[in-house]
């Protein structure tokens, strides 16, 4: 095995450890994971087209990545400045705002995809 392959496996292991840690420790991330699961199940039941799945997957990924980055920023700020500081609060609030924007965009994508599908299912063409 070359050195490059060893580094790749090592990095992948760290990435999986990080994802596992955030799942175990961050309630908001778990909430987004559960919401994502419901969206995926609904998409399967409604037999969404591959084109619509692209947007669903991107929207889910956007929120999960935003939540991970928010957590990283919070942890870094706590590490650098353990005491409560107004500037630290602003940084954390901005990161949380990014998650909120990602969630709103994701919910909008979901509504644009699922409302017409549900309308067709319950009202008809």
PDB file of N, CA and C in Angstrom:
ATOM      1  N   UNK A   1       0.848  -1.171   0.000  1.00  0.00           N
ATOM      2  CA  UNK A   1       0.000   0.000   0.000  1.00  0.00           C
ATOM      3  C   UNK A   1       0.892   1.232   0.000  1.00  0.00           C
ATOM      4  N   UNK A   2       0.592   2.170  -0.903  1.00  0.00           N
ATOM      5  CA  UNK A   2       1.406   3.379  -0.972  1.00  0.00           C
ATOM      6  C   UNK A   2       1.056   4.321   0.170  1.00  0.00           C
ATOM      7  N   UNK A   3       1.962   5.259   0.411  1.00  0.00           N
ATOM      8  CA  UNK A   3       1.763   6.240   1.475  1.00  0.00           C
ATOM      9  C   UNK A   3       0.488   7.052   1.237  1.00  0.00           C
ATOM     10  N   UNK A   4       0.221   7.357  -0.027  1.00  0.00           N
ATOM     11  CA  UNK A   4      -0.952   8.152  -0.371  1.00  0.00           C
ATOM     12  C   UNK A   4      -2.237   7.409   0.009  1.00  0.00           C
ATOM     13  N   UNK A   5      -2.302   6.108  -0.248  1.00  0.00           N
ATOM     14  CA  UNK A   5      -3.482   5.329   0.110  1.00  0.00           C
ATOM     15  C   UNK A   5      -3.662   5.284   1.619  1.00  0.00           C
ATOM     16  N   UNK A   6      -2.600   5.158   2.345  1.00  0.00           N
ATOM     17  CA  UNK A   6      -2.674   5.123   3.804  1.00  0.00           C
ATOM     18  C   UNK A   6      -3.232   6.418   4.362  1.00  0.00           C
ATOM     19  N   UNK A   7      -2.784   7.537   3.812  1.00  0.00           N
ATOM     20  CA  UNK A   7      -3.291   8.838   4.249  1.00  0.00           C
ATOM     21  C   UNK A   7      -4.769   8.971   3.926  1.00  0.00           C
ATOM     22  N   UNK A   8      -5.171   8.458   2.769  1.00  0.00           N
ATOM     23  CA  UNK A   8      -6.562   8.552   2.359  1.00  0.00           C
ATOM     24  C   UNK A   8      -7.465   7.787   3.326  1.00  0.00           C
ATOM     25  N   UNK A   9      -7.083   6.557   3.666  1.00  0.00           N
ATOM     26  CA  UNK A   9      -7.873   5.770   4.613  1.00  0.00           C
ATOM     27  C   UNK A   9      -7.880   6.435   5.980  1.00  0.00           C
ATOM     28  N   UNK A  10      -6.749   6.973   6.371  1.00  0.00           N
ATOM     29  CA  UNK A  10      -6.627   7.629   7.666  1.00  0.00           C
ATOM     30  C   UNK A  10      -7.560   8.838   7.728  1.00  0.00           C
ATOM     31  N   UNK A  11      -7.581   9.641   6.679  1.00  0.00           N
ATOM     32  CA  UNK A  11      -8.441  10.819   6.618  1.00  0.00           C
ATOM     33  C   UNK A  11      -9.911  10.445   6.616  1.00  0.00           C
ATOM     34  N   UNK A  12     -10.251   9.397   5.892  1.00  0.00           N
ATOM     35  CA  UNK A  12     -11.630   8.923   5.833  1.00  0.00           C
ATOM     36  C   UNK A  12     -12.079   8.471   7.211  1.00  0.00           C
ATOM     37  N   UNK A  13     -11.200   7.811   7.936  1.00  0.00           N
ATOM     38  CA  UNK A  13     -11.498   7.361   9.294  1.00  0.00           C
ATOM     39  C   UNK A  13     -11.796   8.549  10.206  1.00  0.00           C
ATOM     40  N   UNK A  14     -10.994   9.605  10.084  1.00  0.00           N
ATOM     41  CA  UNK A  14     -11.226  10.808  10.885  1.00  0.00           C
ATOM     42  C   UNK A  14     -12.568  11.446  10.532  1.00  0.00           C
ATOM     43  N   UNK A  15     -12.888  11.464   9.249  1.00  0.00           N
ATOM     44  CA  UNK A  15     -14.162  12.041   8.810  1.00  0.00           C
ATOM     45  C   UNK A  15     -15.333  11.271   9.410  1.00  0.00           C
ATOM     46  N   UNK A  16     -15.260   9.947   9.370  1.00  0.00           N
ATOM     47  CA  UNK A  16     -16.330   9.129   9.956  1.00  0.00           C
ATOM     48  C   UNK A  16     -16.416   9.328  11.465  1.00  0.00           C
ATOM     49  N   UNK A  17     -15.257   9.452  12.118  1.00  0.00           N
ATOM     50  CA  UNK A  17     -15.262   9.732  13.561  1.00  0.00           C
ATOM     51  C   UNK A  17     -15.951  11.059  13.853  1.00  0.00           C
ATOM     52  N   UNK A  18     -15.668  12.066  13.042  1.00  0.00           N
ATOM     53  CA  UNK A  18     -16.281  13.380  13.228  1.00  0.00           C
ATOM     54  C   UNK A  18     -17.785  13.341  13.036  1.00  0.00           C
ATOM     55  N   UNK A  19     -18.236  12.636  12.012  1.00  0.00           N
ATOM     56  CA  UNK A  19     -19.673  12.512  11.773  1.00  0.00           C
ATOM     57  C   UNK A  19     -20.331  11.759  12.925  1.00  0.00           C
ATOM     58  N   UNK A  20     -19.694  10.688  13.375  1.00  0.00           N
ATOM     59  CA  UNK A  20     -20.232   9.937  14.512  1.00  0.00           C
ATOM     60  C   UNK A  20     -20.330  10.791  15.762  1.00  0.00           C
ATOM     61  N   UNK A  21     -19.313  11.598  16.003  1.00  0.00           N
ATOM     62  CA  UNK A  21     -19.296  12.477  17.182  1.00  0.00           C
ATOM     63  C   UNK A  21     -20.432  13.488  17.124  1.00  0.00           C
ATOM     64  N   UNK A  22     -20.637  14.082  15.965  1.00  0.00           N
ATOM     65  CA  UNK A  22     -21.695  15.090  15.870  1.00  0.00           C
ATOM     66  C   UNK A  22     -23.077  14.451  16.011  1.00  0.00           C
ATOM     67  N   UNK A  23     -23.250  13.240  15.502  1.00  0.00           N
ATOM     68  CA  UNK A  23     -24.527  12.540  15.666  1.00  0.00           C
ATOM     69  C   UNK A  23     -24.777  12.255  17.143  1.00  0.00           C
ATOM     70  N   UNK A  24     -23.733  11.831  17.847  1.00  0.00           N
ATOM     71  CA  UNK A  24     -23.886  11.489  19.272  1.00  0.00           C
ATOM     72  C   UNK A  24     -24.092  12.708  20.159  1.00  0.00           C
ATOM     73  N   UNK A  25     -23.513  13.838  19.801  1.00  0.00           N
ATOM     74  CA  UNK A  25     -23.468  14.956  20.747  1.00  0.00           C
ATOM     75  C   UNK A  25     -24.338  16.159  20.388  1.00  0.00           C
ATOM     76  N   UNK A  26     -24.777  16.263  19.154  1.00  0.00           N
ATOM     77  CA  UNK A  26     -25.495  17.473  18.741  1.00  0.00           C
ATOM     78  C   UNK A  26     -26.958  17.185  18.424  1.00  0.00           C
ATOM     79  N   UNK A  27     -27.837  17.670  19.291  1.00  0.00           N
ATOM     80  CA  UNK A  27     -29.274  17.438  19.151  1.00  0.00           C
ATOM     81  C   UNK A  27     -29.822  18.034  17.849  1.00  0.00           C
ATOM     82  N   UNK A  28     -29.383  19.225  17.487  1.00  0.00           N
ATOM     83  CA  UNK A  28     -29.877  19.851  16.258  1.00  0.00           C
ATOM     84  C   UNK A  28     -29.517  19.031  15.026  1.00  0.00           C
ATOM     85  N   UNK A  29     -28.324  18.451  15.023  1.00  0.00           N
ATOM     86  CA  UNK A  29     -27.926  17.621  13.890  1.00  0.00           C
ATOM     87  C   UNK A  29     -28.821  16.390  13.806  1.00  0.00           C
ATOM     88  N   UNK A  30     -29.101  15.779  14.963  1.00  0.00           N
ATOM     89  CA  UNK A  30     -29.996  14.607  14.974  1.00  0.00           C
ATOM     90  C   UNK A  30     -31.391  14.990  14.479  1.00  0.00           C
ATOM     91  N   UNK A  31     -31.868  16.174  14.871  1.00  0.00           N
ATOM     92  CA  UNK A  31     -33.172  16.644  14.392  1.00  0.00           C
ATOM     93  C   UNK A  31     -33.173  16.727  12.868  1.00  0.00           C
ATOM     94  N   UNK A  32     -32.124  17.321  12.303  1.00  0.00           N
ATOM     95  CA  UNK A  32     -32.047  17.458  10.848  1.00  0.00           C
ATOM     96  C   UNK A  32     -31.928  16.090  10.168  1.00  0.00           C
ATOM     97  N   UNK A  33     -31.237  15.156  10.801  1.00  0.00           N
ATOM     98  CA  UNK A  33     -31.130  13.800  10.244  1.00  0.00           C
ATOM     99  C   UNK A  33     -32.504  13.124  10.213  1.00  0.00           C
ATOM    100  N   UNK A  34     -33.267  13.262  11.300  1.00  0.00           N
ATOM    101  CA  UNK A  34     -34.602  12.657  11.365  1.00  0.00           C
ATOM    102  C   UNK A  34     -35.528  13.316  10.346  1.00  0.00           C
ATOM    103  N   UNK A  35     -35.482  14.640  10.253  1.00  0.00           N
ATOM    104  CA  UNK A  35     -36.293  15.343   9.253  1.00  0.00           C
ATOM    105  C   UNK A  35     -35.921  14.875   7.846  1.00  0.00           C
ATOM    106  N   UNK A  36     -34.636  14.690   7.606  1.00  0.00           N
ATOM    107  CA  UNK A  36     -34.168  14.207   6.301  1.00  0.00           C
ATOM    108  C   UNK A  36     -34.713  12.819   6.007  1.00  0.00           C
ATOM    109  N   UNK A  37     -34.736  11.977   7.016  1.00  0.00           N
ATOM    110  CA  UNK A  37     -35.268  10.624   6.841  1.00  0.00           C
ATOM    111  C   UNK A  37     -36.739  10.666   6.443  1.00  0.00           C
ATOM    112  N   UNK A  38     -37.524  11.530   7.097  1.00  0.00           N
ATOM    113  CA  UNK A  38     -38.937  11.672   6.733  1.00  0.00           C
ATOM    114  C   UNK A  38     -39.089  12.151   5.288  1.00  0.00           C
ATOM    115  N   UNK A  39     -38.269  13.091   4.880  1.00  0.00           N
ATOM    116  CA  UNK A  39     -38.320  13.607   3.508  1.00  0.00           C
ATOM    117  C   UNK A  39     -37.973  12.498   2.519  1.00  0.00           C
ATOM    118  N   UNK A  40     -36.961  11.715   2.832  1.00  0.00           N
ATOM    119  CA  UNK A  40     -36.560  10.615   1.945  1.00  0.00           C
ATOM    120  C   UNK A  40     -37.679   9.585   1.827  1.00  0.00           C
ATOM    121  N   UNK A  41     -38.281   9.215   2.951  1.00  0.00           N
ATOM    122  CA  UNK A  41     -39.388   8.248   2.930  1.00  0.00           C
ATOM    123  C   UNK A  41     -40.556   8.806   2.112  1.00  0.00           C
ATOM    124  N   UNK A  42     -40.893  10.077   2.331  1.00  0.00           N
ATOM    125  CA  UNK A  42     -41.982  10.695   1.565  1.00  0.00           C
ATOM    126  C   UNK A  42     -41.658  10.697   0.075  1.00  0.00           C
ATOM    127  N   UNK A  43     -40.415  10.985  -0.271  1.00  0.00           N
ATOM    128  CA  UNK A  43     -40.005  10.978  -1.673  1.00  0.00           C
ATOM    129  C   UNK A  43     -40.120   9.603  -2.303  1.00  0.00           C
ATOM    130  N   UNK A  44     -39.780   8.584  -1.532  1.00  0.00           N
ATOM    131  CA  UNK A  44     -39.905   7.205  -2.032  1.00  0.00           C
ATOM    132  C   UNK A  44     -41.372   6.854  -2.234  1.00  0.00           C
ATOM    133  N   UNK A  45     -42.201   7.177  -1.250  1.00  0.00           N
ATOM    134  CA  UNK A  45     -43.638   6.877  -1.342  1.00  0.00           C
ATOM    135  C   UNK A  45     -44.267   7.591  -2.538  1.00  0.00           C
ATOM    136  N   UNK A  46     -43.883   8.847  -2.745  1.00  0.00           N
ATOM    137  CA  UNK A  46     -44.452   9.632  -3.847  1.00  0.00           C
ATOM    138  C   UNK A  46     -43.768   9.365  -5.183  1.00  0.00           C
ATOM    139  N   UNK A  47     -42.745   8.525  -5.175  1.00  0.00           N
ATOM    140  CA  UNK A  47     -42.012   8.154  -6.394  1.00  0.00           C
ATOM    141  C   UNK A  47     -41.527   9.387  -7.163  1.00  0.00           C
ATOM    142  N   UNK A  48     -40.761  10.203  -6.453  1.00  0.00           N
ATOM    143  CA  UNK A  48     -40.224  11.408  -7.080  1.00  0.00           C
ATOM    144  C   UNK A  48     -39.316  11.054  -8.249  1.00  0.00           C
ATOM    145  N   UNK A  49     -39.286  11.923  -9.219  1.00  0.00           N
ATOM    146  CA  UNK A  49     -38.408  11.725 -10.377  1.00  0.00           C
ATOM    147  C   UNK A  49     -36.954  11.929  -9.958  1.00  0.00           C
ATOM    148  N   UNK A  50     -36.054  11.416 -10.762  1.00  0.00           N
ATOM    149  CA  UNK A  50     -34.619  11.585 -10.485  1.00  0.00           C
ATOM    150  C   UNK A  50     -34.258  13.066 -10.441  1.00  0.00           C
ATOM    151  N   UNK A  51     -34.885  13.854 -11.292  1.00  0.00           N
ATOM    152  CA  UNK A  51     -34.621  15.295 -11.322  1.00  0.00           C
ATOM    153  C   UNK A  51     -34.983  15.944  -9.979  1.00  0.00           C
ATOM    154  N   UNK A  52     -36.110  15.574  -9.423  1.00  0.00           N
ATOM    155  CA  UNK A  52     -36.528  16.130  -8.131  1.00  0.00           C
ATOM    156  C   UNK A  52     -35.629  15.627  -7.000  1.00  0.00           C
ATOM    157  N   UNK A  53     -35.173  14.381  -7.111  1.00  0.00           N
ATOM    158  CA  UNK A  53     -34.267  13.837  -6.092  1.00  0.00           C
ATOM    159  C   UNK A  53     -32.961  14.626  -6.025  1.00  0.00           C
ATOM    160  N   UNK A  54     -32.513  15.133  -7.157  1.00  0.00           N
ATOM    161  CA  UNK A  54     -31.285  15.940  -7.161  1.00  0.00           C
ATOM    162  C   UNK A  54     -31.439  17.113  -6.200  1.00  0.00           C
ATOM    163  N   UNK A  55     -32.564  17.804  -6.289  1.00  0.00           N
ATOM    164  CA  UNK A  55     -32.793  18.966  -5.429  1.00  0.00           C
ATOM    165  C   UNK A  55     -32.989  18.573  -3.970  1.00  0.00           C
ATOM    166  N   UNK A  56     -33.663  17.457  -3.744  1.00  0.00           N
ATOM    167  CA  UNK A  56     -33.864  16.977  -2.370  1.00  0.00           C
ATOM    168  C   UNK A  56     -32.514  16.647  -1.736  1.00  0.00           C
ATOM    169  N   UNK A  57     -31.689  15.902  -2.441  1.00  0.00           N
ATOM    170  CA  UNK A  57     -30.378  15.507  -1.906  1.00  0.00           C
ATOM    171  C   UNK A  57     -29.503  16.736  -1.660  1.00  0.00           C
ATOM    172  N   UNK A  58     -29.502  17.679  -2.584  1.00  0.00           N
ATOM    173  CA  UNK A  58     -28.712  18.903  -2.395  1.00  0.00           C
ATOM    174  C   UNK A  58     -29.221  19.721  -1.209  1.00  0.00           C
ATOM    175  N   UNK A  59     -30.534  19.804  -1.049  1.00  0.00           N
ATOM    176  CA  UNK A  59     -31.102  20.563   0.069  1.00  0.00           C
ATOM    177  C   UNK A  59     -30.756  19.909   1.403  1.00  0.00           C
ATOM    178  N   UNK A  60     -30.870  18.592   1.472  1.00  0.00           N
ATOM    179  CA  UNK A  60     -30.508  17.873   2.699  1.00  0.00           C
ATOM    180  C   UNK A  60     -29.023  18.067   2.992  1.00  0.00           C
ATOM    181  N   UNK A  61     -28.197  17.893   1.979  1.00  0.00           N
ATOM    182  CA  UNK A  61     -26.756  18.072   2.162  1.00  0.00           C
ATOM    183  C   UNK A  61     -26.400  19.470   2.617  1.00  0.00           C
ATOM    184  N   UNK A  62     -27.062  20.478   2.059  1.00  0.00           N
ATOM    185  CA  UNK A  62     -26.817  21.867   2.444  1.00  0.00           C
ATOM    186  C   UNK A  62     -27.050  22.070   3.937  1.00  0.00           C
ATOM    187  N   UNK A  63     -28.170  21.567   4.436  1.00  0.00           N
ATOM    188  CA  UNK A  63     -28.497  21.759   5.856  1.00  0.00           C
ATOM    189  C   UNK A  63     -27.530  20.988   6.750  1.00  0.00           C
ATOM    190  N   UNK A  64     -27.228  19.753   6.403  1.00  0.00           N
ATOM    191  CA  UNK A  64     -26.329  18.954   7.245  1.00  0.00           C
ATOM    192  C   UNK A  64     -24.923  19.548   7.278  1.00  0.00           C
ATOM    193  N   UNK A  65     -24.435  20.002   6.134  1.00  0.00           N
ATOM    194  CA  UNK A  65     -23.109  20.634   6.108  1.00  0.00           C
ATOM    195  C   UNK A  65     -23.130  21.937   6.902  1.00  0.00           C
ATOM    196  N   UNK A  66     -24.184  22.730   6.748  1.00  0.00           N
ATOM    197  CA  UNK A  66     -24.290  23.983   7.510  1.00  0.00           C
ATOM    198  C   UNK A  66     -24.305  23.700   9.008  1.00  0.00           C
ATOM    199  N   UNK A  67     -25.017  22.664   9.414  1.00  0.00           N
ATOM    200  CA  UNK A  67     -25.082  22.315  10.837  1.00  0.00           C
ATOM    201  C   UNK A  67     -23.714  21.862  11.351  1.00  0.00           C
ATOM    202  N   UNK A  68     -22.997  21.081  10.565  1.00  0.00           N
ATOM    203  CA  UNK A  68     -21.652  20.656  10.969  1.00  0.00           C
ATOM    204  C   UNK A  68     -20.727  21.868  11.080  1.00  0.00           C
ATOM    205  N   UNK A  69     -20.751  22.748  10.089  1.00  0.00           N
ATOM    206  CA  UNK A  69     -19.891  23.934  10.134  1.00  0.00           C
ATOM    207  C   UNK A  69     -20.254  24.840  11.312  1.00  0.00           C
ATOM    208  N   UNK A  70     -21.530  24.972  11.608  1.00  0.00           N
ATOM    209  CA  UNK A  70     -21.960  25.745  12.767  1.00  0.00           C
ATOM    210  C   UNK A  70     -21.384  25.154  14.049  1.00  0.00           C
ATOM    211  N   UNK A  71     -21.450  23.854  14.176  1.00  0.00           N
ATOM    212  CA  UNK A  71     -20.914  23.185  15.363  1.00  0.00           C
ATOM    213  C   UNK A  71     -19.407  23.387  15.456  1.00  0.00           C
ATOM    214  N   UNK A  72     -18.717  23.257  14.333  1.00  0.00           N
ATOM    215  CA  UNK A  72     -17.262  23.463  14.321  1.00  0.00           C
ATOM    216  C   UNK A  72     -16.926  24.886  14.764  1.00  0.00           C
ATOM    217  N   UNK A  73     -17.642  25.852  14.233  1.00  0.00           N
ATOM    218  CA  UNK A  73     -17.387  27.247  14.609  1.00  0.00           C
ATOM    219  C   UNK A  73     -17.644  27.457  16.096  1.00  0.00           C
ATOM    220  N   UNK A  74     -18.747  26.917  16.607  1.00  0.00           N
ATOM    221  CA  UNK A  74     -19.043  27.050  18.041  1.00  0.00           C
ATOM    222  C   UNK A  74     -17.937  26.440  18.894  1.00  0.00           C
ATOM    223  N   UNK A  75     -17.485  25.250  18.526  1.00  0.00           N
ATOM    224  CA  UNK A  75     -16.431  24.572  19.295  1.00  0.00           C
ATOM    225  C   UNK A  75     -15.119  25.356  19.232  1.00  0.00           C
ATOM    226  N   UNK A  76     -14.790  25.879  18.054  1.00  0.00           N
ATOM    227  CA  UNK A  76     -13.555  26.658  17.909  1.00  0.00           C
ATOM    228  C   UNK A  76     -13.610  27.928  18.756  1.00  0.00           C
ATOM    229  N   UNK A  77     -14.742  28.620  18.726  1.00  0.00           N
ATOM    230  CA  UNK A  77     -14.888  29.844  19.517  1.00  0.00           C
ATOM    231  C   UNK A  77     -14.772  29.521  21.002  1.00  0.00           C
ATOM    232  N   UNK A  78     -15.427  28.435  21.433  1.00  0.00           N
ATOM    233  CA  UNK A  78     -15.337  28.034  22.845  1.00  0.00           C
ATOM    234  C   UNK A  78     -13.904  27.690  23.231  1.00  0.00           C
ATOM    235  N   UNK A  79     -13.165  27.094  22.310  1.00  0.00           N
ATOM    236  CA  UNK A  79     -11.777  26.718  22.576  1.00  0.00           C
ATOM    237  C   UNK A  79     -10.885  27.954  22.688  1.00  0.00           C
ATOM    238  N   UNK A  80     -11.069  28.871  21.745  1.00  0.00           N
ATOM    239  CA  UNK A  80     -10.227  30.070  21.708  1.00  0.00           C
ATOM    240  C   UNK A  80     -10.610  31.049  22.812  1.00  0.00           C
ATOM    241  N   UNK A  81     -11.894  31.171  23.075  1.00  0.00           N
ATOM    242  CA  UNK A  81     -12.380  32.150  24.052  1.00  0.00           C
ATOM    243  C   UNK A  81     -13.409  31.471  24.958  1.00  0.00           C
ATOM    244  N   UNK A  82     -12.949  30.715  25.969  1.00  0.00           N
ATOM    245  CA  UNK A  82     -13.871  29.980  26.844  1.00  0.00           C
ATOM    246  C   UNK A  82     -14.811  30.894  27.640  1.00  0.00           C
ATOM    247  N   UNK A  83     -14.344  32.102  27.963  1.00  0.00           N
ATOM    248  CA  UNK A  83     -15.197  33.033  28.699  1.00  0.00           C
ATOM    249  C   UNK A  83     -16.200  33.676  27.744  1.00  0.00           C
ATOM    250  N   UNK A  84     -17.360  34.020  28.291  1.00  0.00           N
ATOM    251  CA  UNK A  84     -18.378  34.672  27.478  1.00  0.00           C
ATOM    252  C   UNK A  84     -17.858  36.044  27.048  1.00  0.00           C
ATOM    253  N   UNK A  85     -17.961  36.301  25.749  1.00  0.00           N
ATOM    254  CA  UNK A  85     -17.469  37.559  25.193  1.00  0.00           C
ATOM    255  C   UNK A  85     -18.448  38.003  24.099  1.00  0.00           C
ATOM    256  N   UNK A  86     -18.779  39.295  24.039  1.00  0.00           N
ATOM    257  CA  UNK A  86     -19.739  39.767  23.028  1.00  0.00           C
ATOM    258  C   UNK A  86     -19.341  39.420  21.592  1.00  0.00           C
ATOM    259  N   UNK A  87     -18.067  39.491  21.275  1.00  0.00           N
ATOM    260  CA  UNK A  87     -17.626  39.155  19.911  1.00  0.00           C
ATOM    261  C   UNK A  87     -17.806  37.664  19.621  1.00  0.00           C
ATOM    262  N   UNK A  88     -17.544  36.850  20.625  1.00  0.00           N
ATOM    263  CA  UNK A  88     -17.735  35.406  20.450  1.00  0.00           C
ATOM    264  C   UNK A  88     -19.206  35.106  20.193  1.00  0.00           C
ATOM    265  N   UNK A  89     -20.085  35.798  20.893  1.00  0.00           N
ATOM    266  CA  UNK A  89     -21.528  35.607  20.698  1.00  0.00           C
ATOM    267  C   UNK A  89     -21.933  35.979  19.275  1.00  0.00           C
ATOM    268  N   UNK A  90     -21.396  37.073  18.769  1.00  0.00           N
ATOM    269  CA  UNK A  90     -21.713  37.505  17.404  1.00  0.00           C
ATOM    270  C   UNK A  90     -21.288  36.436  16.398  1.00  0.00           C
ATOM    271  N   UNK A  91     -20.102  35.888  16.580  1.00  0.00           N
ATOM    272  CA  UNK A  91     -19.608  34.835  15.677  1.00  0.00           C
ATOM    273  C   UNK A  91     -20.533  33.627  15.715  1.00  0.00           C
ATOM    274  N   UNK A  92     -20.904  33.199  16.913  1.00  0.00           N
ATOM    275  CA  UNK A  92     -21.797  32.041  17.048  1.00  0.00           C
ATOM    276  C   UNK A  92     -23.170  32.328  16.445  1.00  0.00           C
ATOM    277  N   UNK A  93     -23.678  33.539  16.668  1.00  0.00           N
ATOM    278  CA  UNK A  93     -24.981  33.905  16.109  1.00  0.00           C
ATOM    279  C   UNK A  93     -24.956  33.914  14.584  1.00  0.00           C
ATOM    280  N   UNK A  94     -23.864  34.381  14.009  1.00  0.00           N
ATOM    281  CA  UNK A  94     -23.737  34.385  12.546  1.00  0.00           C
ATOM    282  C   UNK A  94     -23.739  32.960  11.997  1.00  0.00           C
ATOM    283  N   UNK A  95     -23.014  32.079  12.659  1.00  0.00           N
ATOM    284  CA  UNK A  95     -22.971  30.679  12.220  1.00  0.00           C
ATOM    285  C   UNK A  95     -24.355  30.047  12.330  1.00  0.00           C
ATOM    286  N   UNK A  96     -25.065  30.345  13.418  1.00  0.00           N
ATOM    287  CA  UNK A  96     -26.425  29.827  13.581  1.00  0.00           C
ATOM    288  C   UNK A  96     -27.342  30.406  12.501  1.00  0.00           C
ATOM    289  N   UNK A  97     -27.112  31.662  12.139  1.00  0.00           N
ATOM    290  CA  UNK A  97     -27.887  32.280  11.068  1.00  0.00           C
ATOM    291  C   UNK A  97     -27.692  31.570   9.740  1.00  0.00           C
ATOM    292  N   UNK A  98     -26.486  31.103   9.490  1.00  0.00           N
ATOM    293  CA  UNK A  98     -26.219  30.350   8.260  1.00  0.00           C
ATOM    294  C   UNK A  98     -27.039  29.065   8.226  1.00  0.00           C
ATOM    295  N   UNK A  99     -27.156  28.407   9.374  1.00  0.00           N
ATOM    296  CA  UNK A  99     -27.971  27.186   9.446  1.00  0.00           C
ATOM    297  C   UNK A  99     -29.436  27.530   9.198  1.00  0.00           C
ATOM    298  N   UNK A 100     -29.889  28.629   9.778  1.00  0.00           N
ATOM    299  CA  UNK A 100     -31.280  29.046   9.577  1.00  0.00           C
ATOM    300  C   UNK A 100     -31.561  29.309   8.099  1.00  0.00           C
ATOM    301  N   UNK A 101     -30.668  30.025   7.435  1.00  0.00           N
ATOM    302  CA  UNK A 101     -30.852  30.298   6.005  1.00  0.00           C
ATOM    303  C   UNK A 101     -30.861  28.996   5.207  1.00  0.00           C
ATOM    304  N   UNK A 102     -29.927  28.096   5.495  1.00  0.00           N
ATOM    305  CA  UNK A 102     -29.886  26.802   4.801  1.00  0.00           C
ATOM    306  C   UNK A 102     -31.177  26.028   5.031  1.00  0.00           C
ATOM    307  N   UNK A 103     -31.701  26.082   6.250  1.00  0.00           N
ATOM    308  CA  UNK A 103     -32.942  25.373   6.572  1.00  0.00           C
ATOM    309  C   UNK A 103     -34.135  25.973   5.837  1.00  0.00           C
ATOM    310  N   UNK A 104     -34.189  27.300   5.763  1.00  0.00           N
ATOM    311  CA  UNK A 104     -35.285  27.962   5.045  1.00  0.00           C
ATOM    312  C   UNK A 104     -35.233  27.627   3.554  1.00  0.00           C
ATOM    313  N   UNK A 105     -34.041  27.674   2.977  1.00  0.00           N
ATOM    314  CA  UNK A 105     -33.884  27.318   1.561  1.00  0.00           C
ATOM    315  C   UNK A 105     -34.302  25.867   1.340  1.00  0.00           C
ATOM    316  N   UNK A 106     -33.864  24.989   2.220  1.00  0.00           N
ATOM    317  CA  UNK A 106     -34.186  23.570   2.105  1.00  0.00           C
ATOM    318  C   UNK A 106     -35.689  23.331   2.234  1.00  0.00           C
ATOM    319  N   UNK A 107     -36.317  23.982   3.196  1.00  0.00           N
ATOM    320  CA  UNK A 107     -37.767  23.835   3.380  1.00  0.00           C
ATOM    321  C   UNK A 107     -38.518  24.363   2.156  1.00  0.00           C
ATOM    322  N   UNK A 108     -38.037  25.450   1.589  1.00  0.00           N
ATOM    323  CA  UNK A 108     -38.666  26.009   0.387  1.00  0.00           C
ATOM    324  C   UNK A 108     -38.568  25.033  -0.778  1.00  0.00           C
ATOM    325  N   UNK A 109     -37.402  24.441  -0.956  1.00  0.00           N
ATOM    326  CA  UNK A 109     -37.229  23.421  -1.998  1.00  0.00           C
ATOM    327  C   UNK A 109     -38.203  22.271  -1.753  1.00  0.00           C
ATOM    328  N   UNK A 110     -38.285  21.822  -0.506  1.00  0.00           N
ATOM    329  CA  UNK A 110     -39.202  20.736  -0.168  1.00  0.00           C
ATOM    330  C   UNK A 110     -40.649  21.077  -0.485  1.00  0.00           C
ATOM    331  N   UNK A 111     -41.070  22.276  -0.119  1.00  0.00           N
ATOM    332  CA  UNK A 111     -42.446  22.694  -0.402  1.00  0.00           C
ATOM    333  C   UNK A 111     -42.702  22.768  -1.905  1.00  0.00           C
ATOM    334  N   UNK A 112     -41.755  23.321  -2.644  1.00  0.00           N
ATOM    335  CA  UNK A 112     -41.920  23.425  -4.100  1.00  0.00           C
ATOM    336  C   UNK A 112     -42.017  22.054  -4.767  1.00  0.00           C
ATOM    337  N   UNK A 113     -41.372  21.070  -4.186  1.00  0.00           N
ATOM    338  CA  UNK A 113     -41.415  19.718  -4.748  1.00  0.00           C
ATOM    339  C   UNK A 113     -42.624  18.943  -4.244  1.00  0.00           C
ATOM    340  N   UNK A 114     -42.883  18.993  -2.943  1.00  0.00           N
ATOM    341  CA  UNK A 114     -43.898  18.117  -2.366  1.00  0.00           C
ATOM    342  C   UNK A 114     -45.331  18.627  -2.489  1.00  0.00           C
ATOM    343  N   UNK A 115     -45.554  19.934  -2.478  1.00  0.00           N
ATOM    344  CA  UNK A 115     -46.934  20.426  -2.575  1.00  0.00           C
ATOM    345  C   UNK A 115     -47.601  19.978  -3.877  1.00  0.00           C
ATOM    346  N   UNK A 116     -46.976  20.162  -5.037  1.00  0.00           N
ATOM    347  CA  UNK A 116     -47.623  19.665  -6.264  1.00  0.00           C
ATOM    348  C   UNK A 116     -47.815  18.141  -6.264  1.00  0.00           C
ATOM    349  N   UNK A 117     -46.856  17.424  -5.707  1.00  0.00           N
ATOM    350  CA  UNK A 117     -46.973  15.960  -5.646  1.00  0.00           C
ATOM    351  C   UNK A 117     -48.154  15.551  -4.764  1.00  0.00           C
ATOM    352  N   UNK A 118     -48.290  16.182  -3.611  1.00  0.00           N
ATOM    353  CA  UNK A 118     -49.398  15.870  -2.700  1.00  0.00           C
ATOM    354  C   UNK A 118     -50.733  16.311  -3.301  1.00  0.00           C
ATOM    355  N   UNK A 119     -50.733  17.420  -3.995  1.00  0.00           N
ATOM    356  CA  UNK A 119     -51.948  17.887  -4.666  1.00  0.00           C
ATOM    357  C   UNK A 119     -52.415  16.845  -5.685  1.00  0.00           C
ATOM    358  N   UNK A 120     -51.484  16.360  -6.506  1.00  0.00           N
ATOM    359  CA  UNK A 120     -51.823  15.333  -7.498  1.00  0.00           C
ATOM    360  C   UNK A 120     -52.326  14.059  -6.828  1.00  0.00           C
ATOM    361  N   UNK A 121     -51.716  13.701  -5.704  1.00  0.00           N
ATOM    362  CA  UNK A 121     -52.092  12.472  -5.007  1.00  0.00           C
ATOM    363  C   UNK A 121     -53.505  12.566  -4.440  1.00  0.00           C
ATOM    364  N   UNK A 122     -53.841  13.690  -3.821  1.00  0.00           N
ATOM    365  CA  UNK A 122     -55.115  13.799  -3.118  1.00  0.00           C
ATOM    366  C   UNK A 122     -56.229  14.443  -3.935  1.00  0.00           C
ATOM    367  N   UNK A 123     -55.891  15.307  -4.876  1.00  0.00           N
ATOM    368  CA  UNK A 123     -56.908  16.001  -5.660  1.00  0.00           C
ATOM    369  C   UNK A 123     -56.991  15.420  -7.071  1.00  0.00           C
ATOM    370  N   UNK A 124     -55.884  15.002  -7.580  1.00  0.00           N
ATOM    371  CA  UNK A 124     -55.832  14.444  -8.927  1.00  0.00           C
ATOM    372  C   UNK A 124     -55.187  15.414  -9.886  1.00  0.00           C
ATOM    373  N   UNK A 125     -55.037  14.974 -11.126  1.00  0.00           N
ATOM    374  CA  UNK A 125     -54.383  15.804 -12.142  1.00  0.00           C
ATOM    375  C   UNK A 125     -55.244  16.954 -12.425  1.00  0.00           C
TER     376      UNK A 125
END
